[in-house]
């Protein structure tokens, strides 16, 4: 049985739950789900508004068990549902840490707005598109972590821009279009600054944000993005929980005497992974203490890391 990710599907799911409760004689229900991108957001909040408890199962655990059961890593919804239910029965789940109300939720909305405006900042004029070329356009998308746009779309956008203003004659329509785009670009730059100011104002209410920004190289955008994704840091008992949430948990495959190379799991929230990576790049370039640690792990490795403190 399947349920569409819309109101009708949610109502169908509730009818199915009520029928299952009646058949089993149970009095309560716990709905477990895997945090798959943004798809689960609406369903999660829909259930919580109805007073139904939601459990979040780690996606890495689901994938690992799926590989064991099916001997492959391909996506299989029925199998994944079975694994999620078993992990929940075993108690291997946790509450949702995604901020939904208050300062953290507002931060998340503003960070999303900023990302959208930042993208437009790069593509505000057709002249800039043409000067960049398909490779330059694609590189900007990669730098902004816009992963759904590749070379084909970059080439198509470049072709449209080139034909739009590349006509060798006066065109009032083209000139008007260019002026309009420039006005939008300037307007969106103002909105970008206004959005960043709102982010700063929200961060002033969070002591942990002020503490983060005492680190040389960490500004309001990095701090705001990080906190908007993890929510209240007091919900976590160990840094390793945030490490796992970002997909930076260290894993390795081992069988008998064979021990595979350790690497990060990559099974985490993309935006946390991205903002931590960007923070690391900034810190290495601007903060001497972080640069020393970076040099140690990439070049020296001659003395214990605690000697660097």
Protein backbone atom coordinates (compact mmCIF):
# COMPACT_ATOMS: atom_id res chain seq x y z
CA UNK A 1 0.00 0.00 0.00
CA UNK A 2 1.29 3.45 -0.88
CA UNK A 3 0.45 6.96 0.31
CA UNK A 4 0.95 10.07 -1.80
CA UNK A 5 2.84 12.97 -0.25
CA UNK A 6 -0.17 15.30 -0.16
CA UNK A 7 -3.29 15.85 1.94
CA UNK A 8 -5.26 13.00 0.37
CA UNK A 9 -2.38 10.62 0.96
CA UNK A 10 -2.02 11.74 4.57
CA UNK A 11 -5.73 11.18 5.21
CA UNK A 12 -5.52 7.74 3.60
CA UNK A 13 -2.62 6.94 5.91
CA UNK A 14 -4.65 7.98 8.97
CA UNK A 15 -7.53 5.73 7.92
CA UNK A 16 -5.08 2.87 7.52
CA UNK A 17 -3.65 3.57 11.01
CA UNK A 18 -7.11 3.64 12.59
CA UNK A 19 -7.94 0.32 10.97
CA UNK A 20 -4.66 -1.21 12.20
CA UNK A 21 -5.28 0.04 15.76
CA UNK A 22 -8.74 -1.50 15.74
CA UNK A 23 -7.49 -4.83 14.42
CA UNK A 24 -4.63 -5.09 16.91
CA UNK A 25 -6.39 -3.59 19.91
CA UNK A 26 -3.56 -1.09 20.39
CA UNK A 27 -4.21 2.30 21.98
CA UNK A 28 -1.40 4.34 20.52
CA UNK A 29 0.84 4.58 17.47
CA UNK A 30 4.43 5.65 16.79
CA UNK A 31 5.22 6.64 13.22
CA UNK A 32 8.86 6.08 12.26
CA UNK A 33 10.44 7.61 9.19
CA UNK A 34 13.78 8.19 7.53
CA UNK A 35 14.76 11.87 7.05
CA UNK A 36 14.89 11.91 3.25
CA UNK A 37 15.69 15.43 2.12
CA UNK A 38 12.73 17.79 2.49
CA UNK A 39 10.10 15.22 1.51
CA UNK A 40 9.20 14.27 5.06
CA UNK A 41 8.86 17.81 6.47
CA UNK A 42 5.16 18.34 5.79
CA UNK A 43 4.12 14.80 6.77
CA UNK A 44 6.09 15.00 10.00
CA UNK A 45 4.47 18.27 11.06
CA UNK A 46 1.04 17.05 9.93
CA UNK A 47 1.29 14.06 12.27
CA UNK A 48 2.67 16.11 15.15
CA UNK A 49 -0.23 18.57 14.91
CA UNK A 50 -2.54 15.60 15.40
CA UNK A 51 -0.64 14.53 18.51
CA UNK A 52 0.97 11.50 16.83
CA UNK A 53 4.55 10.83 17.95
CA UNK A 54 7.15 10.74 15.17
CA UNK A 55 10.42 8.81 15.40
CA UNK A 56 13.40 9.54 13.17
CA UNK A 57 15.60 6.62 12.11
CA UNK A 58 19.15 7.29 10.93
CA UNK A 59 19.41 6.95 7.15
CA UNK A 60 22.87 5.41 7.39
CA UNK A 61 21.49 2.59 9.56
CA UNK A 62 18.72 1.96 7.03
CA UNK A 63 21.17 1.79 4.15
CA UNK A 64 23.57 -0.49 6.01
CA UNK A 65 20.80 -2.95 6.91
CA UNK A 66 19.36 -2.71 3.40
CA UNK A 67 22.70 -3.81 1.95
CA UNK A 68 22.76 -6.79 4.32
CA UNK A 69 19.20 -7.86 3.51
CA UNK A 70 19.29 -7.33 -0.24
CA UNK A 71 23.01 -7.69 -0.87
CA UNK A 72 22.97 -4.40 -2.76
CA UNK A 73 22.67 -0.66 -2.07
CA UNK A 74 19.80 0.07 -4.47
CA UNK A 75 16.77 1.94 -3.17
CA UNK A 76 13.90 -0.36 -2.32
CA UNK A 77 10.96 1.29 -0.53
CA UNK A 78 9.20 -1.88 0.77
CA UNK A 79 12.48 -3.25 2.09
CA UNK A 80 13.42 0.11 3.63
CA UNK A 81 10.02 0.34 5.35
CA UNK A 82 10.58 -3.11 6.89
CA UNK A 83 14.06 -2.09 8.07
CA UNK A 84 12.77 1.18 9.56
CA UNK A 85 10.10 -0.71 11.51
CA UNK A 86 12.65 -3.23 12.82
CA UNK A 87 15.09 -0.51 13.87
CA UNK A 88 12.24 1.23 15.70
CA UNK A 89 11.26 -1.98 17.51
CA UNK A 90 14.91 -2.33 18.57
CA UNK A 91 14.81 1.20 19.98
CA UNK A 92 17.30 2.54 17.46
CA UNK A 93 15.58 5.83 16.74
CA UNK A 94 15.42 9.34 18.12
CA UNK A 95 13.18 12.42 18.16
CA UNK A 96 13.21 14.92 15.34
CA UNK A 97 15.75 17.68 15.91
CA UNK A 98 14.61 19.74 12.94
CA UNK A 99 13.58 23.21 14.18
CA UNK A 100 9.95 23.96 13.34
CA UNK A 101 9.11 27.05 15.40
CA UNK A 102 10.93 29.89 17.09
CA UNK A 103 14.29 31.44 16.29
CA UNK A 104 15.86 28.32 14.79
CA UNK A 105 12.98 27.81 12.34
CA UNK A 106 13.09 31.47 11.33
CA UNK A 107 16.83 31.19 10.80
CA UNK A 108 16.27 28.23 8.50
CA UNK A 109 13.78 30.20 6.40
CA UNK A 110 16.09 33.20 6.13
CA UNK A 111 19.09 31.04 5.22
CA UNK A 112 16.99 29.53 2.41
CA UNK A 113 16.07 33.00 1.15
CA UNK A 114 19.72 34.04 1.25
CA UNK A 115 20.81 31.05 -0.83
CA UNK A 116 18.21 31.91 -3.48
CA UNK A 117 19.28 35.55 -3.61
CA UNK A 118 22.96 34.63 -3.70
CA UNK A 119 22.33 32.51 -6.80
CA UNK A 120 20.59 35.41 -8.54
CA UNK A 121 23.52 37.63 -7.61
CA UNK A 122 25.71 35.57 -9.94
CA UNK A 123 23.19 35.42 -12.81
CA UNK A 124 21.81 38.96 -12.59
CA UNK A 125 22.88 40.12 -16.05
CA UNK A 126 23.08 38.43 -19.41
CA UNK A 127 26.49 39.98 -20.04
CA UNK A 128 27.84 38.15 -17.00
CA UNK A 129 26.41 34.88 -18.24
CA UNK A 130 28.02 35.25 -21.65
CA UNK A 131 31.38 36.24 -20.18
CA UNK A 132 31.35 33.18 -17.91
CA UNK A 133 30.50 30.71 -20.67
CA UNK A 134 28.95 27.26 -20.03
CA UNK A 135 31.91 26.09 -17.91
CA UNK A 136 31.84 29.25 -15.79
CA UNK A 137 28.08 29.00 -15.26
CA UNK A 138 28.40 25.37 -14.22
CA UNK A 139 31.29 26.23 -11.87
CA UNK A 140 29.20 28.89 -10.13
CA UNK A 141 26.41 26.35 -9.59
CA UNK A 142 28.93 23.92 -8.14
CA UNK A 143 30.36 26.58 -5.84
CA UNK A 144 26.85 27.37 -4.61
CA UNK A 145 26.15 23.65 -4.11
CA UNK A 146 23.28 23.73 -6.64
CA UNK A 147 23.61 20.09 -7.60
CA UNK A 148 20.61 19.72 -9.91
CA UNK A 149 22.12 21.80 -12.71
CA UNK A 150 24.82 20.32 -14.90
CA UNK A 151 26.66 21.05 -18.13
CA UNK A 152 23.62 20.55 -20.39
CA UNK A 153 21.57 23.19 -18.57
CA UNK A 154 24.59 25.51 -18.41
CA UNK A 155 25.02 25.22 -22.19
CA UNK A 156 21.31 25.88 -22.78
CA UNK A 157 21.36 28.95 -20.52
CA UNK A 158 24.49 30.27 -22.24
CA UNK A 159 22.91 29.81 -25.70
CA UNK A 160 19.77 31.69 -24.62
CA UNK A 161 21.81 34.55 -23.17
CA UNK A 162 24.05 34.79 -26.23
CA UNK A 163 21.17 34.91 -28.71
CA UNK A 164 19.21 37.31 -26.51
CA UNK A 165 21.69 40.19 -26.66
CA UNK A 166 24.09 39.03 -29.35
CA UNK A 167 22.10 40.54 -32.20
CA UNK A 168 24.28 43.10 -34.03
CA UNK A 169 21.65 45.82 -34.22
CA UNK A 170 19.88 48.23 -31.91
CA UNK A 171 17.13 46.52 -29.96
CA UNK A 172 15.01 48.58 -27.60
CA UNK A 173 13.41 45.39 -26.30
CA UNK A 174 16.80 43.82 -25.51
CA UNK A 175 18.01 47.04 -23.87
CA UNK A 176 14.83 47.23 -21.80
CA UNK A 177 15.23 43.61 -20.76
CA UNK A 178 18.82 44.24 -19.73
CA UNK A 179 17.84 47.34 -17.70
CA UNK A 180 15.11 45.30 -16.02
CA UNK A 181 17.54 42.54 -15.12
CA UNK A 182 20.05 45.04 -13.73
CA UNK A 183 17.31 46.66 -11.63
CA UNK A 184 16.32 43.24 -10.34
CA UNK A 185 19.94 42.46 -9.60
CA UNK A 186 20.40 45.67 -7.60
CA UNK A 187 17.09 45.17 -5.83
CA UNK A 188 18.00 41.61 -4.92
CA UNK A 189 21.37 42.74 -3.61
CA UNK A 190 19.50 45.07 -1.25
CA UNK A 191 17.24 42.18 -0.25
CA UNK A 192 20.31 40.01 0.26
CA UNK A 193 21.80 42.55 2.66
CA UNK A 194 18.44 42.97 4.41
CA UNK A 195 18.13 39.21 4.82
CA UNK A 196 21.62 38.97 6.26
CA UNK A 197 20.76 41.78 8.69
CA UNK A 198 17.67 39.86 9.85
CA UNK A 199 19.88 36.80 10.35
CA UNK A 200 22.25 38.88 12.49
CA UNK A 201 19.35 40.17 14.58
CA UNK A 202 18.09 36.65 15.25
CA UNK A 203 21.57 35.46 16.15
CA UNK A 204 21.83 38.19 18.78
CA UNK A 205 19.19 36.24 20.73
CA UNK A 206 21.25 33.02 20.74
CA UNK A 207 24.22 32.87 23.15
CA UNK A 208 25.64 29.86 21.28
CA UNK A 209 25.69 31.93 18.08
CA UNK A 210 27.62 34.70 19.77
CA UNK A 211 30.07 32.10 21.10
CA UNK A 212 30.54 30.62 17.62
CA UNK A 213 31.22 34.03 16.14
CA UNK A 214 34.05 34.68 18.61
CA UNK A 215 36.02 32.18 16.50
CA UNK A 216 38.02 34.13 13.95
CA UNK A 217 36.57 33.39 10.51
CA UNK A 218 33.05 32.45 11.65
CA UNK A 219 30.48 35.06 10.69
CA UNK A 220 26.68 35.27 10.91
CA UNK A 221 26.01 33.36 7.68
CA UNK A 222 28.05 30.30 8.68
CA UNK A 223 26.83 30.39 12.29
CA UNK A 224 23.22 30.98 11.22
CA UNK A 225 23.22 28.21 8.63
CA UNK A 226 24.77 25.73 11.06
CA UNK A 227 22.35 26.51 13.91
CA UNK A 228 19.32 26.62 11.60
CA UNK A 229 20.06 23.03 10.62
CA UNK A 230 20.91 21.48 14.00
CA UNK A 231 18.47 23.50 16.12
CA UNK A 232 19.08 23.86 19.85
CA UNK A 233 22.56 22.48 20.49
CA UNK A 234 21.48 21.42 23.97
CA UNK A 235 19.53 18.56 22.39
CA UNK A 236 22.82 16.80 21.68
CA UNK A 237 24.87 14.87 24.22
CA UNK A 238 28.03 14.49 22.15
CA UNK A 239 29.77 16.22 19.21
CA UNK A 240 29.69 12.84 17.45
CA UNK A 241 25.89 13.19 17.09
CA UNK A 242 26.35 16.36 15.04
CA UNK A 243 29.22 14.71 13.16
CA UNK A 244 26.89 11.87 12.21
CA UNK A 245 24.09 14.31 11.31
CA UNK A 246 26.44 16.01 8.85
CA UNK A 247 27.55 12.73 7.27
CA UNK A 248 31.08 13.03 8.63
CA UNK A 249 30.90 9.95 10.86
CA UNK A 250 33.93 7.73 10.21
CA UNK A 251 33.10 4.28 8.82
CA UNK A 252 35.05 1.39 7.38
CA UNK A 253 34.26 -2.02 5.93
CA UNK A 254 35.90 -5.00 7.62
CA UNK A 255 35.67 -8.72 6.95
CA UNK A 256 37.94 -11.26 8.64
CA UNK A 257 41.51 -10.02 8.34
CA UNK A 258 40.57 -7.43 5.74
CA UNK A 259 40.09 -3.90 6.98
CA UNK A 260 38.86 -1.32 4.53
CA UNK A 261 39.97 2.29 4.41
CA UNK A 262 38.24 4.58 6.88
CA UNK A 263 36.16 7.34 5.34
CA UNK A 264 33.25 9.62 6.14
CA UNK A 265 29.82 8.01 5.79
CA UNK A 266 28.32 10.76 3.54
CA UNK A 267 24.94 9.77 5.02
CA UNK A 268 23.87 13.08 6.50
CA UNK A 269 22.16 16.37 5.82
CA UNK A 270 23.68 18.00 2.77
CA UNK A 271 23.46 21.59 4.01
CA UNK A 272 25.22 20.82 7.32
CA UNK A 273 27.96 18.99 5.42
CA UNK A 274 28.29 21.93 3.02
CA UNK A 275 28.39 24.68 5.65
CA UNK A 276 30.95 22.80 7.76
CA UNK A 277 33.10 22.36 4.65
CA UNK A 278 32.81 26.07 3.82
CA UNK A 279 33.60 26.96 7.44
CA UNK A 280 36.71 24.78 7.31
CA UNK A 281 37.93 26.50 4.13
CA UNK A 282 37.44 29.94 5.70
CA UNK A 283 39.08 28.94 8.98
CA UNK A 284 42.12 27.43 7.27
CA UNK A 285 42.59 30.65 5.31
CA UNK A 286 42.00 33.15 8.14
CA UNK A 287 42.62 31.44 11.47
CA UNK A 288 46.22 30.55 12.35
CA UNK A 289 45.21 27.92 14.93
CA UNK A 290 43.09 26.00 12.42
CA UNK A 291 45.75 26.43 9.75
CA UNK A 292 48.30 24.82 12.09
CA UNK A 293 46.02 21.83 12.66
CA UNK A 294 45.36 21.54 8.92
CA UNK A 295 49.07 21.61 8.15
CA UNK A 296 49.72 18.95 10.76
CA UNK A 297 47.21 16.49 9.33
CA UNK A 298 48.08 17.15 5.70
CA UNK A 299 51.83 17.74 5.84
CA UNK A 300 53.59 17.07 9.14
CA UNK A 301 52.07 14.26 11.23
CA UNK A 302 55.29 14.24 13.24
CA UNK A 303 54.05 15.16 16.68
CA UNK A 304 50.85 14.40 18.64
CA UNK A 305 47.87 16.60 17.88
CA UNK A 306 47.58 17.66 21.54
CA UNK A 307 51.00 19.35 21.20
CA UNK A 308 49.31 21.83 18.88
CA UNK A 309 46.97 23.09 21.59
